[in-house]
Amino acid sequence: MNKDFRDKGLVYAVLSHSLRVADTRILTVWVDERNVKSQKLLENLGFEGL
């Protein structure tokens, strides 16, 4: 995401909405272990095993 729009909750909002409307039961996500912000975001969205 463009730096001007980071830390405003937009990624959370978009992903949260997408996950609610998607007909997906299993979704695999890879995130760099050094990217703590992305890990926290995914945990808040209900992802496990990060």
C-alpha atoms as a PDB file:
ATOM      1  CA  MET A   1       0.000   0.000   0.000  1.00  0.00           C
ATOM      2  CA  ASN A   2       1.186   3.509  -0.798  1.00  0.00           C
ATOM      3  CA  LYS A   3       2.928   5.145   2.173  1.00  0.00           C
ATOM      4  CA  ASP A   4       0.354   7.975   2.220  1.00  0.00           C
ATOM      5  CA  PHE A   5      -2.388   5.493   3.139  1.00  0.00           C
ATOM      6  CA  ARG A   6      -0.580   3.296   5.658  1.00  0.00           C
ATOM      7  CA  ASP A   7      -1.564   3.093   9.341  1.00  0.00           C
ATOM      8  CA  LYS A   8      -5.103   4.297   8.687  1.00  0.00           C
ATOM      9  CA  GLY A   9      -6.873   0.923   9.015  1.00  0.00           C
ATOM     10  CA  LEU A  10      -7.611   0.677   5.293  1.00  0.00           C
ATOM     11  CA  VAL A  11      -5.906  -2.668   4.737  1.00  0.00           C
ATOM     12  CA  TYR A  12      -7.794  -4.152   7.684  1.00  0.00           C
ATOM     13  CA  ALA A  13     -11.094  -2.813   6.354  1.00  0.00           C
ATOM     14  CA  VAL A  14     -10.514  -4.120   2.835  1.00  0.00           C
ATOM     15  CA  LEU A  15      -9.313  -7.548   3.957  1.00  0.00           C
ATOM     16  CA  SER A  16     -12.052  -7.873   6.554  1.00  0.00           C
ATOM     17  CA  HIS A  17     -14.739  -7.088   3.987  1.00  0.00           C
ATOM     18  CA  SER A  18     -13.176  -9.378   1.381  1.00  0.00           C
ATOM     19  CA  LEU A  19     -13.025 -12.285   3.821  1.00  0.00           C
ATOM     20  CA  ARG A  20     -16.685 -11.791   4.800  1.00  0.00           C
ATOM     21  CA  VAL A  21     -17.975 -11.822   1.220  1.00  0.00           C
ATOM     22  CA  ALA A  22     -15.610 -14.457  -0.193  1.00  0.00           C
ATOM     23  CA  ASP A  23     -16.824 -18.036  -0.430  1.00  0.00           C
ATOM     24  CA  THR A  24     -13.541 -19.397   0.901  1.00  0.00           C
ATOM     25  CA  ARG A  25     -13.086 -21.812   3.762  1.00  0.00           C
ATOM     26  CA  ILE A  26      -9.290 -22.081   3.776  1.00  0.00           C
ATOM     27  CA  LEU A  27      -6.872 -19.304   2.931  1.00  0.00           C
ATOM     28  CA  THR A  28      -3.106 -19.628   3.221  1.00  0.00           C
ATOM     29  CA  VAL A  29      -1.083 -16.490   3.830  1.00  0.00           C
ATOM     30  CA  TRP A  30       2.671 -16.024   3.888  1.00  0.00           C
ATOM     31  CA  VAL A  31       4.169 -13.067   5.719  1.00  0.00           C
ATOM     32  CA  ASP A  32       7.810 -12.256   6.408  1.00  0.00           C
ATOM     33  CA  GLU A  33       8.632 -13.055  10.038  1.00  0.00           C
ATOM     34  CA  ARG A  34      10.125  -9.557  10.410  1.00  0.00           C
ATOM     35  CA  ASN A  35       6.851  -7.915   9.347  1.00  0.00           C
ATOM     36  CA  VAL A  36       5.242  -7.712  12.777  1.00  0.00           C
ATOM     37  CA  LYS A  37       2.547  -5.230  11.697  1.00  0.00           C
ATOM     38  CA  SER A  38       1.269  -7.612   9.026  1.00  0.00           C
ATOM     39  CA  GLN A  39       1.345 -10.509  11.471  1.00  0.00           C
ATOM     40  CA  LYS A  40      -0.753  -8.552  13.981  1.00  0.00           C
ATOM     41  CA  LEU A  41      -3.184  -7.502  11.260  1.00  0.00           C
ATOM     42  CA  LEU A  42      -3.670 -11.101  10.158  1.00  0.00           C
ATOM     43  CA  GLU A  43      -4.066 -12.300  13.757  1.00  0.00           C
ATOM     44  CA  ASN A  44      -6.755  -9.652  14.296  1.00  0.00           C
ATOM     45  CA  LEU A  45      -8.531 -11.002  11.223  1.00  0.00           C
ATOM     46  CA  GLY A  46      -8.547 -14.492  12.733  1.00  0.00           C
ATOM     47  CA  PHE A  47      -5.581 -16.122  11.025  1.00  0.00           C
ATOM     48  CA  GLU A  48      -3.759 -18.727  13.101  1.00  0.00           C
ATOM     49  CA  GLY A  49      -0.275 -20.177  13.194  1.00  0.00           C
ATOM     50  CA  LEU A  50       1.624 -17.016  12.398  1.00  0.00           C
END
